[in-house]
């Protein structure tokens, strides 16, 4: 079973449109949702959470359609937002007292454990907390009711490198229970290079790919060589191309194809997710 299934979802705004997006979040794995700012990641996340109603399409979460009258599946979701979704004038302890009763599986001991690990002062008002502290508090709340699905919308933005590393280790522990699933939306793809099993890439409101991360990295290839190797037809082989006075660097989505074209006349490099996202988002040819 897939933890999340999105089928032909579209949503239009004044200056933006999410167009006919379909993908699955496999149960028991970490799926990264990537794309530049404004690509549609938050619209997808908020649609899954029922905070945005799509113009068309269907979404099911943990086997239950989100448009059904029942919403008990939300008890099984831990949600971490990049935005502050709590009352600024309350203390962390007061906010917890509001949130906890919504979850029948609330684990107070686990909550206190995370508060201790994150060194969060319960009596501190939310408005006095740094962005990093608010994120840590969101994580503590999200994990303290033993969710089956953890949805994270840009969770590492604004966090220092040390805590980002600790968070990734925490997620690795959470996913050890193969019944748990993570959907991790971010434009900081270095985090996903380390932990993601699957990657879904959206750009300008459209799905680019959704598949196993290793398959993506096996298929895409960066090529570096001299400009004399380029002509009009060769340039069309690249998703994106960067040219300088002496050479070029380009991204291909067909490893076998470009190797057959260039042979040993160029250098090859397996791209990172960030490089795939950059070249795809920029597209075309860029002269430097």
C-alpha atoms as a PDB file:
ATOM      1  CA  UNK A   1       0.000   0.000   0.000  1.00  0.00           C
ATOM      2  CA  UNK A   2       1.131   3.558  -0.688  1.00  0.00           C
ATOM      3  CA  UNK A   3       0.988   6.002   2.210  1.00  0.00           C
ATOM      4  CA  UNK A   4      -0.136   8.782  -0.166  1.00  0.00           C
ATOM      5  CA  UNK A   5      -1.607   8.604  -3.662  1.00  0.00           C
ATOM      6  CA  UNK A   6      -2.074  11.731  -5.759  1.00  0.00           C
ATOM      7  CA  UNK A   7      -3.964  11.342  -9.021  1.00  0.00           C
ATOM      8  CA  UNK A   8      -4.301  14.069 -11.660  1.00  0.00           C
ATOM      9  CA  UNK A   9      -4.321  16.935  -9.168  1.00  0.00           C
ATOM     10  CA  UNK A  10      -4.557  20.485 -10.487  1.00  0.00           C
ATOM     11  CA  UNK A  11      -4.899  23.811  -8.700  1.00  0.00           C
ATOM     12  CA  UNK A  12      -4.989  27.280 -10.258  1.00  0.00           C
ATOM     13  CA  UNK A  13      -4.138  30.593  -8.645  1.00  0.00           C
ATOM     14  CA  UNK A  14      -3.905  34.053 -10.193  1.00  0.00           C
ATOM     15  CA  UNK A  15      -0.239  33.744 -11.170  1.00  0.00           C
ATOM     16  CA  UNK A  16       0.391  30.030 -10.764  1.00  0.00           C
ATOM     17  CA  UNK A  17      -0.998  26.650 -11.781  1.00  0.00           C
ATOM     18  CA  UNK A  18      -0.332  23.119 -10.548  1.00  0.00           C
ATOM     19  CA  UNK A  19      -1.048  20.974 -13.600  1.00  0.00           C
ATOM     20  CA  UNK A  20      -2.306  17.384 -13.568  1.00  0.00           C
ATOM     21  CA  UNK A  21       0.210  16.019 -11.056  1.00  0.00           C
ATOM     22  CA  UNK A  22       0.200  12.301 -10.175  1.00  0.00           C
ATOM     23  CA  UNK A  23       2.593  10.383  -7.922  1.00  0.00           C
ATOM     24  CA  UNK A  24       2.730   7.979  -4.976  1.00  0.00           C
ATOM     25  CA  UNK A  25       4.533   8.033  -1.634  1.00  0.00           C
ATOM     26  CA  UNK A  26       5.506   4.392  -0.957  1.00  0.00           C
ATOM     27  CA  UNK A  27       4.808   3.106   2.521  1.00  0.00           C
ATOM     28  CA  UNK A  28       7.846   2.543   4.746  1.00  0.00           C
ATOM     29  CA  UNK A  29      10.272   4.853   2.916  1.00  0.00           C
ATOM     30  CA  UNK A  30      11.498   8.466   2.789  1.00  0.00           C
ATOM     31  CA  UNK A  31      10.252  10.330  -0.274  1.00  0.00           C
ATOM     32  CA  UNK A  32      11.761  13.710  -1.075  1.00  0.00           C
ATOM     33  CA  UNK A  33       9.572  16.315  -2.756  1.00  0.00           C
ATOM     34  CA  UNK A  34      11.931  18.743  -4.497  1.00  0.00           C
ATOM     35  CA  UNK A  35      11.702  21.796  -6.693  1.00  0.00           C
ATOM     36  CA  UNK A  36      12.695  25.485  -6.660  1.00  0.00           C
ATOM     37  CA  UNK A  37      10.699  27.980  -4.633  1.00  0.00           C
ATOM     38  CA  UNK A  38       7.305  28.489  -6.257  1.00  0.00           C
ATOM     39  CA  UNK A  39       7.397  25.108  -8.024  1.00  0.00           C
ATOM     40  CA  UNK A  40       4.267  23.796  -6.278  1.00  0.00           C
ATOM     41  CA  UNK A  41       5.647  21.836  -3.337  1.00  0.00           C
ATOM     42  CA  UNK A  42       3.662  23.654  -0.657  1.00  0.00           C
ATOM     43  CA  UNK A  43       0.465  23.480  -2.702  1.00  0.00           C
ATOM     44  CA  UNK A  44       0.884  19.699  -2.903  1.00  0.00           C
ATOM     45  CA  UNK A  45       1.624  19.400   0.827  1.00  0.00           C
ATOM     46  CA  UNK A  46      -1.338  21.582   1.802  1.00  0.00           C
ATOM     47  CA  UNK A  47      -3.595  19.599  -0.531  1.00  0.00           C
ATOM     48  CA  UNK A  48      -2.552  16.372   1.195  1.00  0.00           C
ATOM     49  CA  UNK A  49      -3.275  17.990   4.567  1.00  0.00           C
ATOM     50  CA  UNK A  50      -6.713  19.176   3.426  1.00  0.00           C
ATOM     51  CA  UNK A  51      -5.672  22.825   3.817  1.00  0.00           C
ATOM     52  CA  UNK A  52      -6.055  23.444   0.068  1.00  0.00           C
ATOM     53  CA  UNK A  53      -8.850  21.988  -2.052  1.00  0.00           C
ATOM     54  CA  UNK A  54      -7.645  20.990  -5.564  1.00  0.00           C
ATOM     55  CA  UNK A  55      -9.629  22.130  -8.579  1.00  0.00           C
ATOM     56  CA  UNK A  56      -9.534  18.566  -9.851  1.00  0.00           C
ATOM     57  CA  UNK A  57      -7.991  15.203  -9.045  1.00  0.00           C
ATOM     58  CA  UNK A  58      -8.039  12.768  -6.130  1.00  0.00           C
ATOM     59  CA  UNK A  59      -5.828  12.313  -3.082  1.00  0.00           C
ATOM     60  CA  UNK A  60      -5.830   9.429  -0.623  1.00  0.00           C
ATOM     61  CA  UNK A  61      -3.810   9.268   2.594  1.00  0.00           C
ATOM     62  CA  UNK A  62      -3.214   5.990   4.431  1.00  0.00           C
ATOM     63  CA  UNK A  63      -5.894   4.389   2.305  1.00  0.00           C
ATOM     64  CA  UNK A  64      -8.560   7.031   2.951  1.00  0.00           C
ATOM     65  CA  UNK A  65      -9.743   9.650   0.419  1.00  0.00           C
ATOM     66  CA  UNK A  66      -9.172  13.124   1.835  1.00  0.00           C
ATOM     67  CA  UNK A  67     -12.544  14.342   0.578  1.00  0.00           C
ATOM     68  CA  UNK A  68     -14.396  11.805   2.692  1.00  0.00           C
ATOM     69  CA  UNK A  69     -16.416  12.946   5.692  1.00  0.00           C
ATOM     70  CA  UNK A  70     -14.070  11.050   7.994  1.00  0.00           C
ATOM     71  CA  UNK A  71     -10.842  12.770   8.940  1.00  0.00           C
ATOM     72  CA  UNK A  72      -9.497  10.323  11.510  1.00  0.00           C
ATOM     73  CA  UNK A  73      -6.497   9.621   9.263  1.00  0.00           C
ATOM     74  CA  UNK A  74      -5.104  13.005  10.363  1.00  0.00           C
ATOM     75  CA  UNK A  75      -4.410  11.488  13.781  1.00  0.00           C
ATOM     76  CA  UNK A  76      -1.810   9.353  12.000  1.00  0.00           C
ATOM     77  CA  UNK A  77      -0.038  12.343  10.427  1.00  0.00           C
ATOM     78  CA  UNK A  78       2.781  14.322  12.005  1.00  0.00           C
ATOM     79  CA  UNK A  79       3.024  17.699  10.257  1.00  0.00           C
ATOM     80  CA  UNK A  80       6.051  19.998  10.379  1.00  0.00           C
ATOM     81  CA  UNK A  81       5.710  23.327   8.569  1.00  0.00           C
ATOM     82  CA  UNK A  82       8.319  25.933   7.704  1.00  0.00           C
ATOM     83  CA  UNK A  83       5.755  28.516   8.823  1.00  0.00           C
ATOM     84  CA  UNK A  84       4.902  29.241  12.444  1.00  0.00           C
ATOM     85  CA  UNK A  85       1.442  27.682  12.876  1.00  0.00           C
ATOM     86  CA  UNK A  86       1.226  28.240  16.646  1.00  0.00           C
ATOM     87  CA  UNK A  87      -0.059  31.067  18.863  1.00  0.00           C
ATOM     88  CA  UNK A  88       2.813  33.471  19.475  1.00  0.00           C
ATOM     89  CA  UNK A  89       1.514  34.714  22.814  1.00  0.00           C
ATOM     90  CA  UNK A  90       1.482  31.239  24.407  1.00  0.00           C
ATOM     91  CA  UNK A  91       4.372  29.404  26.015  1.00  0.00           C
ATOM     92  CA  UNK A  92       5.554  26.091  24.599  1.00  0.00           C
ATOM     93  CA  UNK A  93       3.899  24.263  27.514  1.00  0.00           C
ATOM     94  CA  UNK A  94       0.578  26.059  26.955  1.00  0.00           C
ATOM     95  CA  UNK A  95       0.638  25.292  23.249  1.00  0.00           C
ATOM     96  CA  UNK A  96       1.322  21.626  23.954  1.00  0.00           C
ATOM     97  CA  UNK A  97      -1.749  21.472  26.223  1.00  0.00           C
ATOM     98  CA  UNK A  98      -3.877  22.634  23.279  1.00  0.00           C
ATOM     99  CA  UNK A  99      -2.372  20.228  20.752  1.00  0.00           C
ATOM    100  CA  UNK A 100      -2.046  17.017  22.791  1.00  0.00           C
ATOM    101  CA  UNK A 101      -5.787  16.286  23.351  1.00  0.00           C
ATOM    102  CA  UNK A 102      -6.341  15.987  19.593  1.00  0.00           C
ATOM    103  CA  UNK A 103      -4.320  12.759  19.525  1.00  0.00           C
ATOM    104  CA  UNK A 104      -5.467   9.563  21.216  1.00  0.00           C
ATOM    105  CA  UNK A 105      -1.910   8.180  20.964  1.00  0.00           C
ATOM    106  CA  UNK A 106      -0.259  11.169  22.622  1.00  0.00           C
ATOM    107  CA  UNK A 107       2.856  10.064  24.507  1.00  0.00           C
ATOM    108  CA  UNK A 108       3.760  12.582  27.210  1.00  0.00           C
ATOM    109  CA  UNK A 109       6.967  10.800  28.153  1.00  0.00           C
ATOM    110  CA  UNK A 110       8.135  10.882  24.546  1.00  0.00           C
ATOM    111  CA  UNK A 111       7.245  14.572  24.283  1.00  0.00           C
ATOM    112  CA  UNK A 112       9.298  15.372  27.395  1.00  0.00           C
ATOM    113  CA  UNK A 113      12.156  13.326  25.980  1.00  0.00           C
ATOM    114  CA  UNK A 114      12.242  15.427  22.798  1.00  0.00           C
ATOM    115  CA  UNK A 115      11.938  18.669  24.772  1.00  0.00           C
ATOM    116  CA  UNK A 116      14.999  17.578  26.735  1.00  0.00           C
ATOM    117  CA  UNK A 117      16.957  16.455  23.650  1.00  0.00           C
ATOM    118  CA  UNK A 118      16.201  19.746  21.881  1.00  0.00           C
ATOM    119  CA  UNK A 119      16.870  21.786  25.060  1.00  0.00           C
ATOM    120  CA  UNK A 120      13.574  23.631  24.713  1.00  0.00           C
ATOM    121  CA  UNK A 121      12.396  25.766  27.681  1.00  0.00           C
ATOM    122  CA  UNK A 122       8.731  24.928  28.306  1.00  0.00           C
ATOM    123  CA  UNK A 123       7.991  28.325  29.864  1.00  0.00           C
ATOM    124  CA  UNK A 124       9.347  30.351  26.959  1.00  0.00           C
ATOM    125  CA  UNK A 125       6.779  32.149  24.814  1.00  0.00           C
ATOM    126  CA  UNK A 126       6.649  31.125  21.175  1.00  0.00           C
ATOM    127  CA  UNK A 127       7.159  34.718  20.002  1.00  0.00           C
ATOM    128  CA  UNK A 128      10.461  34.753  21.908  1.00  0.00           C
ATOM    129  CA  UNK A 129      11.742  31.584  20.243  1.00  0.00           C
ATOM    130  CA  UNK A 130      14.167  31.561  17.347  1.00  0.00           C
ATOM    131  CA  UNK A 131      13.186  29.964  14.048  1.00  0.00           C
ATOM    132  CA  UNK A 132      15.285  26.932  14.920  1.00  0.00           C
ATOM    133  CA  UNK A 133      13.572  26.542  18.305  1.00  0.00           C
ATOM    134  CA  UNK A 134      10.134  26.750  16.681  1.00  0.00           C
ATOM    135  CA  UNK A 135      11.123  24.042  14.220  1.00  0.00           C
ATOM    136  CA  UNK A 136      12.401  21.815  17.017  1.00  0.00           C
ATOM    137  CA  UNK A 137       9.147  22.343  18.909  1.00  0.00           C
ATOM    138  CA  UNK A 138       7.167  21.376  15.788  1.00  0.00           C
ATOM    139  CA  UNK A 139       9.213  18.190  15.498  1.00  0.00           C
ATOM    140  CA  UNK A 140       8.624  17.340  19.166  1.00  0.00           C
ATOM    141  CA  UNK A 141       4.863  17.770  18.777  1.00  0.00           C
ATOM    142  CA  UNK A 142       4.753  15.901  15.463  1.00  0.00           C
ATOM    143  CA  UNK A 143       6.571  12.824  16.746  1.00  0.00           C
ATOM    144  CA  UNK A 144       4.982  12.596  20.190  1.00  0.00           C
ATOM    145  CA  UNK A 145       1.773  10.946  19.007  1.00  0.00           C
ATOM    146  CA  UNK A 146       3.508   8.127  17.076  1.00  0.00           C
ATOM    147  CA  UNK A 147       2.370   9.123  13.564  1.00  0.00           C
ATOM    148  CA  UNK A 148       2.484   6.621  10.720  1.00  0.00           C
ATOM    149  CA  UNK A 149       3.106   9.408   8.203  1.00  0.00           C
ATOM    150  CA  UNK A 150       5.468  12.323   8.822  1.00  0.00           C
ATOM    151  CA  UNK A 151       4.986  15.258   6.438  1.00  0.00           C
ATOM    152  CA  UNK A 152       7.736  17.866   6.495  1.00  0.00           C
ATOM    153  CA  UNK A 153       7.446  21.129   4.549  1.00  0.00           C
ATOM    154  CA  UNK A 154      10.923  22.735   4.311  1.00  0.00           C
ATOM    155  CA  UNK A 155      11.826  21.570   7.849  1.00  0.00           C
ATOM    156  CA  UNK A 156      15.566  22.283   7.694  1.00  0.00           C
ATOM    157  CA  UNK A 157      15.363  25.846   6.365  1.00  0.00           C
ATOM    158  CA  UNK A 158      16.980  28.142   8.906  1.00  0.00           C
ATOM    159  CA  UNK A 159      18.499  25.342  10.981  1.00  0.00           C
ATOM    160  CA  UNK A 160      22.183  25.243  11.783  1.00  0.00           C
ATOM    161  CA  UNK A 161      24.251  22.445  10.174  1.00  0.00           C
ATOM    162  CA  UNK A 162      24.716  20.593  13.464  1.00  0.00           C
ATOM    163  CA  UNK A 163      21.003  20.254  14.142  1.00  0.00           C
ATOM    164  CA  UNK A 164      20.283  19.452  10.504  1.00  0.00           C
ATOM    165  CA  UNK A 165      22.595  16.453  10.868  1.00  0.00           C
ATOM    166  CA  UNK A 166      20.892  15.463  14.146  1.00  0.00           C
ATOM    167  CA  UNK A 167      17.470  15.758  12.522  1.00  0.00           C
ATOM    168  CA  UNK A 168      18.455  13.450   9.683  1.00  0.00           C
ATOM    169  CA  UNK A 169      19.660  10.890  12.203  1.00  0.00           C
ATOM    170  CA  UNK A 170      16.366  11.214  14.074  1.00  0.00           C
ATOM    171  CA  UNK A 171      14.453  10.601  10.843  1.00  0.00           C
ATOM    172  CA  UNK A 172      16.576   7.548  10.125  1.00  0.00           C
ATOM    173  CA  UNK A 173      15.580   6.150  13.528  1.00  0.00           C
ATOM    174  CA  UNK A 174      11.899   6.935  12.897  1.00  0.00           C
ATOM    175  CA  UNK A 175      11.888   5.131   9.545  1.00  0.00           C
ATOM    176  CA  UNK A 176      13.442   1.986  11.047  1.00  0.00           C
ATOM    177  CA  UNK A 177       9.874   1.010  11.844  1.00  0.00           C
ATOM    178  CA  UNK A 178       8.881  -0.052   8.335  1.00  0.00           C
ATOM    179  CA  UNK A 179       5.280   0.939   9.034  1.00  0.00           C
ATOM    180  CA  UNK A 180       6.346   4.600   9.152  1.00  0.00           C
ATOM    181  CA  UNK A 181       6.654   6.868   6.110  1.00  0.00           C
ATOM    182  CA  UNK A 182       8.180  10.308   5.518  1.00  0.00           C
ATOM    183  CA  UNK A 183       7.315  12.883   2.850  1.00  0.00           C
ATOM    184  CA  UNK A 184      10.094  15.484   2.986  1.00  0.00           C
ATOM    185  CA  UNK A 185       9.564  18.664   0.956  1.00  0.00           C
ATOM    186  CA  UNK A 186      12.652  20.831   0.499  1.00  0.00           C
ATOM    187  CA  UNK A 187      14.780  22.863  -1.881  1.00  0.00           C
ATOM    188  CA  UNK A 188      17.873  21.981   0.216  1.00  0.00           C
ATOM    189  CA  UNK A 189      18.496  18.778  -1.673  1.00  0.00           C
ATOM    190  CA  UNK A 190      21.770  17.888   0.069  1.00  0.00           C
ATOM    191  CA  UNK A 191      19.627  16.550   2.929  1.00  0.00           C
ATOM    192  CA  UNK A 192      17.834  14.203   0.551  1.00  0.00           C
ATOM    193  CA  UNK A 193      21.057  13.031  -1.098  1.00  0.00           C
ATOM    194  CA  UNK A 194      21.778  11.357   2.206  1.00  0.00           C
ATOM    195  CA  UNK A 195      18.417   9.985   3.368  1.00  0.00           C
ATOM    196  CA  UNK A 196      15.813   9.796   0.578  1.00  0.00           C
ATOM    197  CA  UNK A 197      14.729   6.503  -0.983  1.00  0.00           C
ATOM    198  CA  UNK A 198      12.426   8.088  -3.579  1.00  0.00           C
ATOM    199  CA  UNK A 199      12.362  11.538  -5.161  1.00  0.00           C
ATOM    200  CA  UNK A 200       9.478  13.476  -6.680  1.00  0.00           C
ATOM    201  CA  UNK A 201      10.508  16.585  -8.628  1.00  0.00           C
ATOM    202  CA  UNK A 202       8.053  19.338  -9.558  1.00  0.00           C
ATOM    203  CA  UNK A 203       8.981  22.395 -11.600  1.00  0.00           C
ATOM    204  CA  UNK A 204       6.696  25.283 -12.577  1.00  0.00           C
ATOM    205  CA  UNK A 205       3.660  23.334 -11.435  1.00  0.00           C
ATOM    206  CA  UNK A 206       4.420  20.207 -13.439  1.00  0.00           C
ATOM    207  CA  UNK A 207       5.800  16.799 -12.508  1.00  0.00           C
ATOM    208  CA  UNK A 208       9.299  16.160 -13.882  1.00  0.00           C
ATOM    209  CA  UNK A 209       9.764  12.677 -12.390  1.00  0.00           C
ATOM    210  CA  UNK A 210       8.802  10.536  -9.405  1.00  0.00           C
ATOM    211  CA  UNK A 211      10.921   7.426  -8.875  1.00  0.00           C
ATOM    212  CA  UNK A 212      13.615   5.761  -6.791  1.00  0.00           C
ATOM    213  CA  UNK A 213      16.500   8.143  -6.096  1.00  0.00           C
ATOM    214  CA  UNK A 214      19.138   5.641  -7.236  1.00  0.00           C
ATOM    215  CA  UNK A 215      17.356   5.184 -10.579  1.00  0.00           C
ATOM    216  CA  UNK A 216      17.340   8.951 -11.104  1.00  0.00           C
ATOM    217  CA  UNK A 217      21.053   9.267 -10.354  1.00  0.00           C
ATOM    218  CA  UNK A 218      21.811   6.305 -12.618  1.00  0.00           C
ATOM    219  CA  UNK A 219      19.943   7.875 -15.544  1.00  0.00           C
ATOM    220  CA  UNK A 220      21.084  11.515 -15.418  1.00  0.00           C
ATOM    221  CA  UNK A 221      24.657  12.492 -16.291  1.00  0.00           C
ATOM    222  CA  UNK A 222      26.714  15.689 -16.328  1.00  0.00           C
ATOM    223  CA  UNK A 223      28.978  16.085 -19.342  1.00  0.00           C
ATOM    224  CA  UNK A 224      31.984  18.450 -19.498  1.00  0.00           C
ATOM    225  CA  UNK A 225      33.949  19.117 -22.683  1.00  0.00           C
ATOM    226  CA  UNK A 226      35.215  21.540 -25.295  1.00  0.00           C
ATOM    227  CA  UNK A 227      32.852  23.818 -27.229  1.00  0.00           C
ATOM    228  CA  UNK A 228      34.089  22.442 -30.537  1.00  0.00           C
ATOM    229  CA  UNK A 229      32.048  19.292 -29.758  1.00  0.00           C
ATOM    230  CA  UNK A 230      28.774  21.239 -29.796  1.00  0.00           C
ATOM    231  CA  UNK A 231      26.454  21.942 -32.685  1.00  0.00           C
ATOM    232  CA  UNK A 232      22.747  22.668 -32.950  1.00  0.00           C
ATOM    233  CA  UNK A 233      21.648  19.046 -32.728  1.00  0.00           C
ATOM    234  CA  UNK A 234      24.038  18.161 -29.894  1.00  0.00           C
ATOM    235  CA  UNK A 235      22.809  21.090 -27.803  1.00  0.00           C
ATOM    236  CA  UNK A 236      19.292  19.655 -27.953  1.00  0.00           C
ATOM    237  CA  UNK A 237      20.507  16.523 -26.163  1.00  0.00           C
ATOM    238  CA  UNK A 238      20.845  18.416 -22.881  1.00  0.00           C
ATOM    239  CA  UNK A 239      18.232  19.341 -20.291  1.00  0.00           C
ATOM    240  CA  UNK A 240      20.328  22.411 -19.537  1.00  0.00           C
ATOM    241  CA  UNK A 241      23.650  23.637 -20.878  1.00  0.00           C
ATOM    242  CA  UNK A 242      26.233  26.092 -19.557  1.00  0.00           C
ATOM    243  CA  UNK A 243      28.784  27.384 -22.052  1.00  0.00           C
ATOM    244  CA  UNK A 244      31.961  29.368 -21.429  1.00  0.00           C
ATOM    245  CA  UNK A 245      34.593  30.695 -23.787  1.00  0.00           C
ATOM    246  CA  UNK A 246      36.524  27.437 -23.665  1.00  0.00           C
ATOM    247  CA  UNK A 247      34.070  24.670 -22.845  1.00  0.00           C
ATOM    248  CA  UNK A 248      30.654  23.504 -21.753  1.00  0.00           C
ATOM    249  CA  UNK A 249      28.912  21.681 -18.938  1.00  0.00           C
ATOM    250  CA  UNK A 250      25.531  20.107 -19.539  1.00  0.00           C
ATOM    251  CA  UNK A 251      22.998  17.787 -17.955  1.00  0.00           C
ATOM    252  CA  UNK A 252      21.541  14.863 -19.873  1.00  0.00           C
ATOM    253  CA  UNK A 253      18.632  12.703 -18.746  1.00  0.00           C
ATOM    254  CA  UNK A 254      19.879   9.790 -20.886  1.00  0.00           C
ATOM    255  CA  UNK A 255      23.253   8.479 -19.735  1.00  0.00           C
ATOM    256  CA  UNK A 256      23.604   5.818 -22.443  1.00  0.00           C
ATOM    257  CA  UNK A 257      22.697   8.257 -25.195  1.00  0.00           C
ATOM    258  CA  UNK A 258      25.345  10.896 -24.353  1.00  0.00           C
ATOM    259  CA  UNK A 259      28.059   8.309 -23.747  1.00  0.00           C
ATOM    260  CA  UNK A 260      27.406   6.920 -27.230  1.00  0.00           C
ATOM    261  CA  UNK A 261      27.593  10.441 -28.674  1.00  0.00           C
ATOM    262  CA  UNK A 262      30.767  11.673 -26.955  1.00  0.00           C
ATOM    263  CA  UNK A 263      32.693   8.511 -26.107  1.00  0.00           C
ATOM    264  CA  UNK A 264      36.006   9.337 -24.439  1.00  0.00           C
ATOM    265  CA  UNK A 265      36.154  12.924 -25.700  1.00  0.00           C
ATOM    266  CA  UNK A 266      34.520  14.416 -22.580  1.00  0.00           C
ATOM    267  CA  UNK A 267      34.420  14.069 -18.792  1.00  0.00           C
ATOM    268  CA  UNK A 268      31.403  12.480 -17.107  1.00  0.00           C
ATOM    269  CA  UNK A 269      30.059  13.067 -13.629  1.00  0.00           C
ATOM    270  CA  UNK A 270      27.068  11.686 -11.733  1.00  0.00           C
ATOM    271  CA  UNK A 271      24.976  14.709 -10.717  1.00  0.00           C
ATOM    272  CA  UNK A 272      23.587  15.565  -7.314  1.00  0.00           C
ATOM    273  CA  UNK A 273      19.865  16.190  -6.896  1.00  0.00           C
ATOM    274  CA  UNK A 274      20.679  19.884  -6.601  1.00  0.00           C
ATOM    275  CA  UNK A 275      22.408  19.868 -10.007  1.00  0.00           C
ATOM    276  CA  UNK A 276      19.482  18.031 -11.598  1.00  0.00           C
ATOM    277  CA  UNK A 277      17.093  20.577 -10.120  1.00  0.00           C
ATOM    278  CA  UNK A 278      19.256  23.542 -11.141  1.00  0.00           C
ATOM    279  CA  UNK A 279      19.732  22.571 -14.776  1.00  0.00           C
ATOM    280  CA  UNK A 280      16.094  21.539 -15.183  1.00  0.00           C
ATOM    281  CA  UNK A 281      14.741  24.716 -13.603  1.00  0.00           C
ATOM    282  CA  UNK A 282      17.054  26.964 -15.637  1.00  0.00           C
ATOM    283  CA  UNK A 283      16.754  24.935 -18.830  1.00  0.00           C
ATOM    284  CA  UNK A 284      18.057  25.948 -22.229  1.00  0.00           C
ATOM    285  CA  UNK A 285      21.528  27.309 -22.903  1.00  0.00           C
ATOM    286  CA  UNK A 286      23.376  29.745 -20.661  1.00  0.00           C
ATOM    287  CA  UNK A 287      26.476  31.562 -21.917  1.00  0.00           C
ATOM    288  CA  UNK A 288      29.035  32.700 -19.334  1.00  0.00           C
END
